[in-house]
C-alpha atoms as a PDB file:
ATOM      1  CA  MET A   1      -0.001  -0.026  -0.004  1.00  0.00           C
ATOM      2  CA  SER A   2       1.493   3.332  -1.053  1.00  0.00           C
ATOM      3  CA  PRO A   3       1.490   6.299   1.388  1.00  0.00           C
ATOM      4  CA  PRO A   4      -1.379   8.801   0.868  1.00  0.00           C
ATOM      5  CA  SER A   5      -0.351  11.673  -1.388  1.00  0.00           C
ATOM      6  CA  GLN A   6      -2.894  14.202  -0.154  1.00  0.00           C
ATOM      7  CA  TRP A   7      -3.582  15.709   3.258  1.00  0.00           C
ATOM      8  CA  PRO A   8      -6.183  15.243   4.761  1.00  0.00           C
ATOM      9  CA  HIS A   9      -6.700  11.537   4.074  1.00  0.00           C
ATOM     10  CA  TRP A  10      -9.727   9.330   4.932  1.00  0.00           C
ATOM     11  CA  ALA A  11      -9.374   5.508   4.974  1.00  0.00           C
ATOM     12  CA  PRO A  12     -12.247   3.507   3.476  1.00  0.00           C
ATOM     13  CA  ARG A  13     -14.412   1.354   5.640  1.00  0.00           C
ATOM     14  CA  GLN A  14     -13.720  -2.363   5.590  1.00  0.00           C
ATOM     15  CA  LYS A  15     -16.418  -4.995   5.539  1.00  0.00           C
ATOM     16  CA  ALA A  16     -17.385  -6.610   8.905  1.00  0.00           C
ATOM     17  CA  ARG A  17     -15.809  -9.940   9.682  1.00  0.00           C
ATOM     18  CA  PRO A  18     -17.311 -12.698  11.807  1.00  0.00           C
ATOM     19  CA  ARG A  19     -16.733 -11.857  15.396  1.00  0.00           C
ATOM     20  CA  HIS A  20     -14.505 -14.841  16.322  1.00  0.00           C
ATOM     21  CA  ARG A  21     -12.290 -14.321  13.300  1.00  0.00           C
ATOM     22  CA  LEU A  22     -12.011 -10.574  14.018  1.00  0.00           C
ATOM     23  CA  ALA A  23     -10.992 -11.238  17.676  1.00  0.00           C
ATOM     24  CA  LYS A  24      -8.363 -13.789  16.555  1.00  0.00           C
ATOM     25  CA  ARG A  25      -6.980 -11.467  13.934  1.00  0.00           C
ATOM     26  CA  LEU A  26      -6.891  -8.581  16.424  1.00  0.00           C
ATOM     27  CA  LEU A  27      -4.991 -10.730  18.967  1.00  0.00           C
ATOM     28  CA  VAL A  28      -2.380 -11.868  16.356  1.00  0.00           C
ATOM     29  CA  CYS A  29      -1.923  -8.240  15.151  1.00  0.00           C
ATOM     30  CA  LEU A  30      -1.395  -6.990  18.676  1.00  0.00           C
ATOM     31  CA  VAL A  31       1.218  -9.626  19.438  1.00  0.00           C
ATOM     32  CA  VAL A  32       3.102  -8.840  16.300  1.00  0.00           C
ATOM     33  CA  VAL A  33       3.083  -5.107  16.985  1.00  0.00           C
ATOM     34  CA  VAL A  34       4.434  -5.640  20.517  1.00  0.00           C
ATOM     35  CA  LEU A  35       7.194  -7.963  19.292  1.00  0.00           C
ATOM     36  CA  ALA A  36       8.125  -5.282  16.710  1.00  0.00           C
ATOM     37  CA  VAL A  37       8.266  -2.403  19.155  1.00  0.00           C
ATOM     38  CA  VAL A  38      10.312  -4.213  21.750  1.00  0.00           C
ATOM     39  CA  GLY A  39      12.648  -5.526  19.087  1.00  0.00           C
ATOM     40  CA  LEU A  40      11.844  -9.238  19.456  1.00  0.00           C
ATOM     41  CA  GLY A  41      11.136 -10.123  15.884  1.00  0.00           C
ATOM     42  CA  ALA A  42      12.425  -8.884  12.595  1.00  0.00           C
ATOM     43  CA  GLY A  43       9.369 -10.170  10.730  1.00  0.00           C
ATOM     44  CA  GLY A  44       7.108  -8.426  13.247  1.00  0.00           C
ATOM     45  CA  LEU A  45       9.090  -5.215  12.849  1.00  0.00           C
ATOM     46  CA  TRP A  46       8.627  -5.378   9.084  1.00  0.00           C
ATOM     47  CA  TRP A  47       4.925  -5.856   9.366  1.00  0.00           C
ATOM     48  CA  ALA A  48       4.344  -3.226  12.042  1.00  0.00           C
ATOM     49  CA  THR A  49       6.154  -0.384  10.360  1.00  0.00           C
ATOM     50  CA  ASP A  50       4.372  -1.016   7.134  1.00  0.00           C
ATOM     51  CA  HIS A  51       1.014  -1.376   8.943  1.00  0.00           C
ATOM     52  CA  TYR A  52       1.437   1.851  11.084  1.00  0.00           C
ATOM     53  CA  GLY A  53       3.553   3.716   8.426  1.00  0.00           C
ATOM     54  CA  ASP A  54       0.657   3.486   6.014  1.00  0.00           C
ATOM     55  CA  ARG A  55      -1.536   5.256   8.614  1.00  0.00           C
ATOM     56  CA  VAL A  56       0.710   8.298   8.779  1.00  0.00           C
ATOM     57  CA  THR A  57      -0.365  11.249   6.757  1.00  0.00           C
ATOM     58  CA  ARG A  58       2.313  12.431   4.350  1.00  0.00           C
ATOM     59  CA  ILE A  59       2.855  16.066   3.436  1.00  0.00           C
ATOM     60  CA  PRO A  60       3.775  16.582  -0.205  1.00  0.00           C
ATOM     61  CA  ASP A  61       6.234  19.299  -1.229  1.00  0.00           C
ATOM     62  CA  ALA A  62       7.446  19.996   2.329  1.00  0.00           C
ATOM     63  CA  PHE A  63      10.999  21.152   1.384  1.00  0.00           C
ATOM     64  CA  PRO A  64      12.080  24.375  -0.412  1.00  0.00           C
ATOM     65  CA  ASP A  65      13.595  24.591  -3.873  1.00  0.00           C
ATOM     66  CA  GLY A  66      17.076  25.891  -4.510  1.00  0.00           C
ATOM     67  CA  PRO A  67      20.366  25.394  -2.656  1.00  0.00           C
ATOM     68  CA  ARG A  68      20.183  23.796   0.771  1.00  0.00           C
ATOM     69  CA  PRO A  69      22.815  22.796   3.460  1.00  0.00           C
ATOM     70  CA  LYS A  70      24.675  19.592   2.893  1.00  0.00           C
ATOM     71  CA  SER A  71      23.603  16.426   4.600  1.00  0.00           C
ATOM     72  CA  GLY A  72      25.725  15.394   7.626  1.00  0.00           C
ATOM     73  CA  GLU A  73      25.937  12.326   9.777  1.00  0.00           C
ATOM     74  CA  GLY A  74      22.742  11.175  11.433  1.00  0.00           C
ATOM     75  CA  THR A  75      19.239  12.495  10.769  1.00  0.00           C
ATOM     76  CA  THR A  76      17.779  15.866  11.615  1.00  0.00           C
ATOM     77  CA  PHE A  77      13.948  16.348  12.131  1.00  0.00           C
ATOM     78  CA  LEU A  78      12.159  19.745  12.374  1.00  0.00           C
ATOM     79  CA  LEU A  79       9.317  19.268  14.657  1.00  0.00           C
ATOM     80  CA  ALA A  80       6.519  21.920  14.692  1.00  0.00           C
ATOM     81  CA  GLY A  81       3.547  22.290  16.995  1.00  0.00           C
ATOM     82  CA  VAL A  82       0.917  24.317  15.062  1.00  0.00           C
ATOM     83  CA  ASP A  83      -1.224  26.863  16.899  1.00  0.00           C
ATOM     84  CA  ILE A  84      -4.460  27.215  14.812  1.00  0.00           C
ATOM     85  CA  ARG A  85      -7.806  28.526  15.981  1.00  0.00           C
ATOM     86  CA  SER A  86      -9.822  25.586  14.732  1.00  0.00           C
ATOM     87  CA  GLU A  87     -12.312  23.255  16.333  1.00  0.00           C
ATOM     88  CA  LYS A  88     -11.275  20.532  13.924  1.00  0.00           C
ATOM     89  CA  PRO A  89      -8.014  18.616  13.551  1.00  0.00           C
ATOM     90  CA  THR A  90      -5.580  20.080  11.001  1.00  0.00           C
ATOM     91  CA  THR A  91      -2.870  17.400  11.167  1.00  0.00           C
ATOM     92  CA  GLY A  92      -3.005  13.610  11.070  1.00  0.00           C
ATOM     93  CA  ASN A  93      -5.385  11.350   9.124  1.00  0.00           C
ATOM     94  CA  GLU A  94      -8.527  12.864  10.721  1.00  0.00           C
ATOM     95  CA  ALA A  95      -7.708  16.468   9.480  1.00  0.00           C
ATOM     96  CA  LYS A  96     -10.771  18.214   8.243  1.00  0.00           C
ATOM     97  CA  ASP A  97      -9.310  21.729   7.639  1.00  0.00           C
ATOM     98  CA  THR A  98      -7.021  22.830   4.843  1.00  0.00           C
ATOM     99  CA  ARG A  99      -3.562  21.516   5.274  1.00  0.00           C
ATOM    100  CA  TRP A 100      -2.161  25.063   5.181  1.00  0.00           C
ATOM    101  CA  THR A 101      -3.958  28.445   4.858  1.00  0.00           C
ATOM    102  CA  TYR A 102      -2.084  31.680   4.360  1.00  0.00           C
ATOM    103  CA  GLY A 103      -2.044  33.605   7.654  1.00  0.00           C
ATOM    104  CA  ALA A 104      -4.092  31.090   9.575  1.00  0.00           C
ATOM    105  CA  GLN A 105      -1.456  28.733  11.173  1.00  0.00           C
ATOM    106  CA  ARG A 106       1.571  29.552  13.247  1.00  0.00           C
ATOM    107  CA  SER A 107       4.369  27.309  14.462  1.00  0.00           C
ATOM    108  CA  ASP A 108       3.802  27.822  18.193  1.00  0.00           C
ATOM    109  CA  THR A 109       6.482  25.184  19.172  1.00  0.00           C
ATOM    110  CA  LEU A 110       9.647  24.593  17.084  1.00  0.00           C
ATOM    111  CA  MET A 111      12.340  21.931  17.765  1.00  0.00           C
ATOM    112  CA  LEU A 112      15.394  20.684  15.774  1.00  0.00           C
ATOM    113  CA  VAL A 113      15.915  17.022  16.789  1.00  0.00           C
ATOM    114  CA  HIS A 114      19.228  15.521  15.668  1.00  0.00           C
ATOM    115  CA  LEU A 115      19.522  11.730  15.945  1.00  0.00           C
ATOM    116  CA  GLY A 116      23.185  10.595  15.822  1.00  0.00           C
ATOM    117  CA  PRO A 117      24.359   7.766  13.522  1.00  0.00           C
ATOM    118  CA  GLY A 118      22.440   4.521  14.521  1.00  0.00           C
ATOM    119  CA  GLU A 119      19.863   6.658  16.482  1.00  0.00           C
ATOM    120  CA  ARG A 120      21.815   6.071  19.637  1.00  0.00           C
ATOM    121  CA  THR A 121      21.760   9.659  20.729  1.00  0.00           C
ATOM    122  CA  ALA A 122      19.311  12.488  20.417  1.00  0.00           C
ATOM    123  CA  TYR A 123      19.850  16.249  20.821  1.00  0.00           C
ATOM    124  CA  THR A 124      16.989  18.671  20.754  1.00  0.00           C
ATOM    125  CA  VAL A 125      17.480  22.419  20.152  1.00  0.00           C
ATOM    126  CA  SER A 126      14.387  24.478  20.810  1.00  0.00           C
ATOM    127  CA  ILE A 127      13.900  27.735  18.889  1.00  0.00           C
ATOM    128  CA  PRO A 128      11.582  30.234  20.666  1.00  0.00           C
ATOM    129  CA  ARG A 129       8.553  31.265  18.711  1.00  0.00           C
ATOM    130  CA  ASP A 130       9.236  34.896  19.321  1.00  0.00           C
ATOM    131  CA  SER A 131      12.861  34.719  17.717  1.00  0.00           C
ATOM    132  CA  TRP A 132      13.388  37.654  15.439  1.00  0.00           C
ATOM    133  CA  VAL A 133      15.015  36.228  12.350  1.00  0.00           C
ATOM    134  CA  PRO A 134      15.335  36.710   8.530  1.00  0.00           C
ATOM    135  CA  VAL A 135      12.409  35.085   6.709  1.00  0.00           C
ATOM    136  CA  PRO A 136      13.337  34.606   2.985  1.00  0.00           C
ATOM    137  CA  GLY A 137      11.257  36.958   0.931  1.00  0.00           C
ATOM    138  CA  HIS A 138       9.717  38.683   3.861  1.00  0.00           C
ATOM    139  CA  GLY A 139      12.556  40.606   5.622  1.00  0.00           C
ATOM    140  CA  SER A 140      12.883  40.010   9.344  1.00  0.00           C
ATOM    141  CA  ALA A 141      10.002  38.738  11.500  1.00  0.00           C
ATOM    142  CA  LYS A 142       9.145  36.329  14.254  1.00  0.00           C
ATOM    143  CA  ILE A 143      10.056  32.878  13.233  1.00  0.00           C
ATOM    144  CA  ASN A 144       6.519  31.542  13.774  1.00  0.00           C
ATOM    145  CA  ALA A 145       5.337  33.762  10.922  1.00  0.00           C
ATOM    146  CA  ALA A 146       7.310  31.641   8.426  1.00  0.00           C
ATOM    147  CA  PHE A 147       4.809  28.792   8.582  1.00  0.00           C
ATOM    148  CA  SER A 148       1.901  31.208   8.475  1.00  0.00           C
ATOM    149  CA  TRP A 149       3.237  32.828   5.300  1.00  0.00           C
ATOM    150  CA  GLY A 150       4.557  29.868   3.410  1.00  0.00           C
ATOM    151  CA  GLY A 151       3.760  26.642   5.081  1.00  0.00           C
ATOM    152  CA  PRO A 152       6.383  23.858   5.588  1.00  0.00           C
ATOM    153  CA  PRO A 153       8.707  24.840   2.706  1.00  0.00           C
ATOM    154  CA  LEU A 154       9.215  28.420   3.966  1.00  0.00           C
ATOM    155  CA  LEU A 155       9.606  27.294   7.634  1.00  0.00           C
ATOM    156  CA  VAL A 156      12.233  24.727   6.564  1.00  0.00           C
ATOM    157  CA  GLN A 157      14.100  27.184   4.495  1.00  0.00           C
ATOM    158  CA  THR A 158      14.057  29.842   7.352  1.00  0.00           C
ATOM    159  CA  VAL A 159      15.417  27.275   9.922  1.00  0.00           C
ATOM    160  CA  GLU A 160      18.028  25.971   7.500  1.00  0.00           C
ATOM    161  CA  ARG A 161      19.380  29.437   6.771  1.00  0.00           C
ATOM    162  CA  LEU A 162      19.280  30.448  10.344  1.00  0.00           C
ATOM    163  CA  THR A 163      21.040  27.356  11.812  1.00  0.00           C
ATOM    164  CA  GLY A 164      23.137  26.115   8.867  1.00  0.00           C
ATOM    165  CA  ALA A 165      21.726  22.612   9.538  1.00  0.00           C
ATOM    166  CA  ARG A 166      20.048  20.595   6.841  1.00  0.00           C
ATOM    167  CA  VAL A 167      16.499  19.382   7.708  1.00  0.00           C
ATOM    168  CA  ASP A 168      16.113  15.823   6.629  1.00  0.00           C
ATOM    169  CA  HIS A 169      12.498  15.373   7.703  1.00  0.00           C
ATOM    170  CA  PHE A 170       9.547  17.536   8.826  1.00  0.00           C
ATOM    171  CA  ALA A 171       6.850  16.572  11.333  1.00  0.00           C
ATOM    172  CA  VAL A 172       3.928  18.667  12.542  1.00  0.00           C
ATOM    173  CA  ILE A 173       1.200  18.168  15.143  1.00  0.00           C
ATOM    174  CA  ASP A 174      -1.624  20.517  16.094  1.00  0.00           C
ATOM    175  CA  TRP A 175      -3.159  20.916  19.588  1.00  0.00           C
ATOM    176  CA  HIS A 176      -5.879  18.456  18.846  1.00  0.00           C
ATOM    177  CA  GLY A 177      -3.270  15.804  18.188  1.00  0.00           C
ATOM    178  CA  PHE A 178      -1.340  16.858  21.345  1.00  0.00           C
ATOM    179  CA  ARG A 179      -4.367  16.270  23.575  1.00  0.00           C
ATOM    180  CA  SER A 180      -5.180  12.955  21.833  1.00  0.00           C
ATOM    181  CA  LEU A 181      -1.652  11.614  22.268  1.00  0.00           C
ATOM    182  CA  THR A 182      -1.492  12.668  25.878  1.00  0.00           C
ATOM    183  CA  ASP A 183      -4.817  10.908  26.621  1.00  0.00           C
ATOM    184  CA  ALA A 184      -3.718   7.768  24.751  1.00  0.00           C
ATOM    185  CA  VAL A 185      -0.820   7.201  27.198  1.00  0.00           C
ATOM    186  CA  GLY A 186      -3.261   7.711  30.120  1.00  0.00           C
ATOM    187  CA  GLY A 187      -1.937  11.067  31.035  1.00  0.00           C
ATOM    188  CA  VAL A 188       1.617  12.328  31.648  1.00  0.00           C
ATOM    189  CA  PRO A 189       3.173  12.959  35.142  1.00  0.00           C
ATOM    190  CA  ILE A 190       4.357  16.541  35.441  1.00  0.00           C
ATOM    191  CA  THR A 191       5.960  18.264  38.451  1.00  0.00           C
ATOM    192  CA  VAL A 192       4.804  21.901  38.703  1.00  0.00           C
ATOM    193  CA  ARG A 193       7.575  23.709  40.517  1.00  0.00           C
ATOM    194  CA  GLU A 194       5.697  26.770  41.775  1.00  0.00           C
ATOM    195  CA  ASN A 195       2.142  28.272  41.959  1.00  0.00           C
ATOM    196  CA  SER A 196       1.232  30.470  39.064  1.00  0.00           C
ATOM    197  CA  TYR A 197      -1.678  32.098  37.325  1.00  0.00           C
ATOM    198  CA  ASP A 198      -2.079  32.420  33.580  1.00  0.00           C
ATOM    199  CA  SER A 199      -4.127  35.515  32.937  1.00  0.00           C
ATOM    200  CA  GLU A 200      -4.554  34.590  29.197  1.00  0.00           C
ATOM    201  CA  GLN A 201      -6.060  31.192  29.814  1.00  0.00           C
ATOM    202  CA  GLY A 202      -7.626  32.235  33.177  1.00  0.00           C
ATOM    203  CA  ARG A 203      -6.063  29.174  34.837  1.00  0.00           C
ATOM    204  CA  HIS A 204      -4.262  28.616  38.167  1.00  0.00           C
ATOM    205  CA  PHE A 205      -1.405  26.078  38.296  1.00  0.00           C
ATOM    206  CA  LYS A 206      -0.683  24.661  41.756  1.00  0.00           C
ATOM    207  CA  ALA A 207       2.816  23.468  42.802  1.00  0.00           C
ATOM    208  CA  GLY A 208       3.070  19.601  43.001  1.00  0.00           C
ATOM    209  CA  THR A 209       3.247  16.475  40.895  1.00  0.00           C
ATOM    210  CA  PHE A 210       0.245  15.611  38.851  1.00  0.00           C
ATOM    211  CA  THR A 211      -0.771  13.192  36.045  1.00  0.00           C
ATOM    212  CA  MET A 212      -2.175  15.601  33.487  1.00  0.00           C
ATOM    213  CA  ASN A 213      -4.713  14.605  30.872  1.00  0.00           C
ATOM    214  CA  GLY A 214      -4.616  16.121  27.395  1.00  0.00           C
ATOM    215  CA  GLU A 215      -6.431  19.313  28.207  1.00  0.00           C
ATOM    216  CA  ASP A 216      -4.520  20.032  31.375  1.00  0.00           C
ATOM    217  CA  ALA A 217      -1.152  19.251  29.726  1.00  0.00           C
ATOM    218  CA  LEU A 218      -1.970  21.576  26.841  1.00  0.00           C
ATOM    219  CA  SER A 219      -2.803  24.447  29.063  1.00  0.00           C
ATOM    220  CA  TYR A 220       0.470  23.791  31.065  1.00  0.00           C
ATOM    221  CA  VAL A 221       2.796  23.719  28.021  1.00  0.00           C
ATOM    222  CA  ARG A 222       1.173  26.767  26.463  1.00  0.00           C
ATOM    223  CA  GLN A 223       1.431  29.030  29.537  1.00  0.00           C
ATOM    224  CA  ARG A 224       3.913  31.908  29.405  1.00  0.00           C
ATOM    225  CA  HIS A 225       1.899  34.684  31.126  1.00  0.00           C
ATOM    226  CA  GLY A 226       2.519  34.584  34.881  1.00  0.00           C
ATOM    227  CA  LEU A 227       5.908  32.856  34.508  1.00  0.00           C
ATOM    228  CA  PRO A 228       9.101  34.742  35.489  1.00  0.00           C
ATOM    229  CA  GLY A 229      10.890  33.741  32.275  1.00  0.00           C
ATOM    230  CA  GLY A 230       7.912  34.091  30.018  1.00  0.00           C
ATOM    231  CA  GLU A 231       8.547  32.336  26.679  1.00  0.00           C
ATOM    232  CA  LEU A 232      11.741  30.725  27.956  1.00  0.00           C
ATOM    233  CA  ASP A 233       9.998  29.074  30.870  1.00  0.00           C
ATOM    234  CA  ARG A 234       7.350  27.851  28.457  1.00  0.00           C
ATOM    235  CA  ILE A 235      10.079  26.136  26.440  1.00  0.00           C
ATOM    236  CA  LYS A 236      11.390  24.470  29.571  1.00  0.00           C
ATOM    237  CA  ARG A 237       7.912  23.156  30.133  1.00  0.00           C
ATOM    238  CA  GLN A 238       7.617  21.817  26.694  1.00  0.00           C
ATOM    239  CA  GLN A 239      10.955  20.068  27.037  1.00  0.00           C
ATOM    240  CA  GLN A 240       9.917  18.740  30.379  1.00  0.00           C
ATOM    241  CA  PHE A 241       6.715  17.401  28.951  1.00  0.00           C
ATOM    242  CA  LEU A 242       8.419  15.804  26.001  1.00  0.00           C
ATOM    243  CA  ARG A 243      10.837  13.995  28.229  1.00  0.00           C
ATOM    244  CA  SER A 244       8.021  12.678  30.418  1.00  0.00           C
ATOM    245  CA  LEU A 245       5.888  11.709  27.451  1.00  0.00           C
ATOM    246  CA  VAL A 246       8.719   9.599  25.895  1.00  0.00           C
ATOM    247  CA  GLY A 247       9.162   7.916  29.318  1.00  0.00           C
ATOM    248  CA  GLU A 248       5.454   7.070  29.413  1.00  0.00           C
ATOM    249  CA  ILE A 249       5.422   5.623  25.891  1.00  0.00           C
ATOM    250  CA  ARG A 250       8.577   3.562  26.575  1.00  0.00           C
ATOM    251  CA  GLY A 251       7.040   2.278  29.786  1.00  0.00           C
ATOM    252  CA  ASP A 252       3.656   1.404  28.285  1.00  0.00           C
ATOM    253  CA  VAL A 253       4.851  -0.259  25.119  1.00  0.00           C
ATOM    254  CA  SER A 254       5.403  -3.780  26.408  1.00  0.00           C
ATOM    255  CA  VAL A 255       4.281  -7.378  25.995  1.00  0.00           C
ATOM    256  CA  THR A 256       2.113  -6.992  29.179  1.00  0.00           C
ATOM    257  CA  SER A 257      -0.040  -4.150  27.832  1.00  0.00           C
ATOM    258  CA  PRO A 258      -0.857  -4.976  24.148  1.00  0.00           C
ATOM    259  CA  LEU A 259      -4.093  -3.044  24.051  1.00  0.00           C
ATOM    260  CA  LYS A 260      -2.443   0.118  25.375  1.00  0.00           C
ATOM    261  CA  THR A 261       0.471  -0.371  23.037  1.00  0.00           C
ATOM    262  CA  ASN A 262      -1.912  -0.511  20.055  1.00  0.00           C
ATOM    263  CA  ARG A 263      -3.699   2.609  21.332  1.00  0.00           C
ATOM    264  CA  ILE A 264      -0.467   4.634  21.643  1.00  0.00           C
ATOM    265  CA  LEU A 265       0.765   3.650  18.228  1.00  0.00           C
ATOM    266  CA  GLU A 266      -2.578   4.487  16.693  1.00  0.00           C
ATOM    267  CA  ALA A 267      -2.594   7.893  18.404  1.00  0.00           C
ATOM    268  CA  LEU A 268       0.926   8.600  17.260  1.00  0.00           C
ATOM    269  CA  THR A 269       0.177   7.643  13.650  1.00  0.00           C
ATOM    270  CA  ASP A 270      -3.254   9.256  13.518  1.00  0.00           C
ATOM    271  CA  THR A 271      -2.269  12.713  14.838  1.00  0.00           C
ATOM    272  CA  VAL A 272       1.127  13.447  13.312  1.00  0.00           C
ATOM    273  CA  SER A 273       1.803  14.496   9.701  1.00  0.00           C
ATOM    274  CA  VAL A 274       5.223  14.044   8.196  1.00  0.00           C
ATOM    275  CA  ASP A 275       6.978  14.800   4.885  1.00  0.00           C
ATOM    276  CA  ASP A 276       6.401  12.382   1.995  1.00  0.00           C
ATOM    277  CA  ARG A 277      10.110  11.611   1.812  1.00  0.00           C
ATOM    278  CA  LEU A 278       9.929   9.808   5.191  1.00  0.00           C
ATOM    279  CA  SER A 279       9.205   6.213   3.851  1.00  0.00           C
ATOM    280  CA  ASN A 280       8.034   3.148   5.782  1.00  0.00           C
ATOM    281  CA  GLY A 281      11.631   1.891   5.377  1.00  0.00           C
ATOM    282  CA  ASP A 282      12.876   5.024   7.121  1.00  0.00           C
ATOM    283  CA  LEU A 283      10.416   4.424   9.945  1.00  0.00           C
ATOM    284  CA  ARG A 284      11.610   0.878  10.222  1.00  0.00           C
ATOM    285  CA  GLY A 285      15.209   2.152  10.654  1.00  0.00           C
ATOM    286  CA  LEU A 286      14.086   4.573  13.359  1.00  0.00           C
ATOM    287  CA  VAL A 287      12.298   1.814  15.272  1.00  0.00           C
ATOM    288  CA  LEU A 288      15.466  -0.408  15.131  1.00  0.00           C
ATOM    289  CA  GLY A 289      17.704   2.428  16.324  1.00  0.00           C
ATOM    290  CA  LEU A 290      15.482   4.204  18.857  1.00  0.00           C
ATOM    291  CA  ARG A 291      14.601   1.028  20.825  1.00  0.00           C
ATOM    292  CA  HIS A 292      18.026   1.405  22.488  1.00  0.00           C
ATOM    293  CA  LEU A 293      17.567   5.086  23.272  1.00  0.00           C
ATOM    294  CA  ASP A 294      16.837   6.132  26.928  1.00  0.00           C
ATOM    295  CA  SER A 295      16.645   9.410  28.872  1.00  0.00           C
ATOM    296  CA  GLU A 296      20.393   9.358  29.451  1.00  0.00           C
ATOM    297  CA  ASP A 297      21.016   9.481  25.698  1.00  0.00           C
ATOM    298  CA  THR A 298      18.754  12.499  25.100  1.00  0.00           C
ATOM    299  CA  ARG A 299      19.742  16.189  25.556  1.00  0.00           C
ATOM    300  CA  PHE A 300      17.674  19.290  25.470  1.00  0.00           C
ATOM    301  CA  THR A 301      18.970  22.901  24.928  1.00  0.00           C
ATOM    302  CA  THR A 302      17.645  26.169  23.636  1.00  0.00           C
ATOM    303  CA  ALA A 303      18.952  28.563  20.945  1.00  0.00           C
ATOM    304  CA  PRO A 304      21.274  31.109  22.597  1.00  0.00           C
ATOM    305  CA  ILE A 305      19.553  34.459  23.228  1.00  0.00           C
ATOM    306  CA  VAL A 306      21.193  37.846  23.345  1.00  0.00           C
ATOM    307  CA  ARG A 307      18.227  39.951  24.764  1.00  0.00           C
ATOM    308  CA  SER A 308      14.542  40.629  24.503  1.00  0.00           C
ATOM    309  CA  ASP A 309      13.376  43.690  22.667  1.00  0.00           C
ATOM    310  CA  MET A 310      10.310  45.440  21.286  1.00  0.00           C
ATOM    311  CA  ILE A 311      10.088  45.834  17.491  1.00  0.00           C
ATOM    312  CA  ASP A 312       7.096  47.237  15.703  1.00  0.00           C
ATOM    313  CA  GLY A 313       5.127  46.988  18.863  1.00  0.00           C
ATOM    314  CA  GLN A 314       5.958  43.251  19.213  1.00  0.00           C
ATOM    315  CA  TYR A 315       7.890  41.485  21.995  1.00  0.00           C
ATOM    316  CA  VAL A 316      10.682  39.612  20.372  1.00  0.00           C
ATOM    317  CA  LEU A 317      13.887  37.700  21.258  1.00  0.00           C
ATOM    318  CA  ILE A 318      17.191  38.488  19.551  1.00  0.00           C
ATOM    319  CA  LEU A 319      19.205  35.351  19.031  1.00  0.00           C
ATOM    320  CA  ASP A 320      22.910  34.910  18.941  1.00  0.00           C
ATOM    321  CA  GLN A 321      22.783  33.654  15.406  1.00  0.00           C
ATOM    322  CA  ARG A 322      26.532  32.895  15.103  1.00  0.00           C
ATOM    323  CA  GLY A 323      26.303  31.010  18.455  1.00  0.00           C
ATOM    324  CA  LEU A 324      23.298  29.077  17.243  1.00  0.00           C
ATOM    325  CA  ARG A 325      25.062  27.967  14.049  1.00  0.00           C
ATOM    326  CA  THR A 326      28.016  26.836  16.133  1.00  0.00           C
ATOM    327  CA  LEU A 327      25.723  24.971  18.489  1.00  0.00           C
ATOM    328  CA  CYS A 328      24.066  23.128  15.565  1.00  0.00           C
ATOM    329  CA  ARG A 329      27.441  22.180  14.128  1.00  0.00           C
ATOM    330  CA  GLN A 330      28.511  20.779  17.516  1.00  0.00           C
ATOM    331  CA  VAL A 331      25.173  18.889  17.854  1.00  0.00           C
ATOM    332  CA  ALA A 332      25.675  17.411  14.425  1.00  0.00           C
ATOM    333  CA  ALA A 333      29.095  16.226  15.447  1.00  0.00           C
ATOM    334  CA  GLY A 334      27.691  14.749  18.683  1.00  0.00           C
ATOM    335  CA  HIS A 335      29.421  17.131  20.987  1.00  0.00           C
ATOM    336  CA  PRO A 336      27.115  19.989  22.064  1.00  0.00           C
ATOM    337  CA  PRO A 337      28.181  22.394  24.826  1.00  0.00           C
ATOM    338  CA  GLY A 338      26.425  22.351  28.232  1.00  0.00           C
ATOM    339  CA  THR A 339      22.769  21.414  27.698  1.00  0.00           C
ATOM    340  CA  GLY A 340      19.831  22.547  29.720  1.00  0.00           C
ATOM    341  CA  GLU A 341      16.937  20.732  31.474  1.00  0.00           C
END
């Protein structure tokens, strides 16, 4: 089965099977999926990545034309969390809205994730949404405007010129998908370090450790009002959440919980959209490599910032662009400087 070429995509309904045959088939499928995920069967891995890979919505023409940075060792993903005022999903195979509409969508969260050769290490560089950067063809602006003005190609081009790093693959998820994925793992444990009030969302956050559902987690990672560090504190929360989410997924994907494993994999493949150059074979390679990756092999850092400023009435962050390019070169070489929490 070839990957879907259009976004959104709806799968056709299948004819109902006799109940006993359906139950048997479901059990066999779940066992094979679990074996694949925990690396216990090459045949199971092949089946699972094709089965779930075919569910992932592919984005056509996600990369810019013209000169681009050279490929290095390992693989670099550009991950974007899209902030769109829509009551319907805009990413994944349940997307109902247009895949990209000029001026409607902004990349609210932006991360460069570099996987070292063999996917044995992972380094994540967060780029603040308020970063004031050159956007090709548009002068200087906040980096989140790039997606709004030109979709994935302009965002990829902006990030590549800013960092000097080549983006091998692009993935995007909207807030509907974020909630669904969080709920699929049964909630994510988060430690809130201090009491705060978000005047924009009208929500209080109490210090303590909580297992947050999708709605609560979304409010938590979106807060910047009422935090001492504003946008930078929000980035720390996003990194904190991602680390905890990965831990939950690794803990839940096991032979002892096949139904939950299936639910998590379905949530992942149903809510995330990726570039159409990411084949099922690429996904298979990622599964083989990432099954050895744990929290000690992952590092998070943030683009170096010179200062905050006000430009054209907007709050912006001025990046150390030379320092960011140096950081990305070091990350690609597997030797980044001191990384943050």
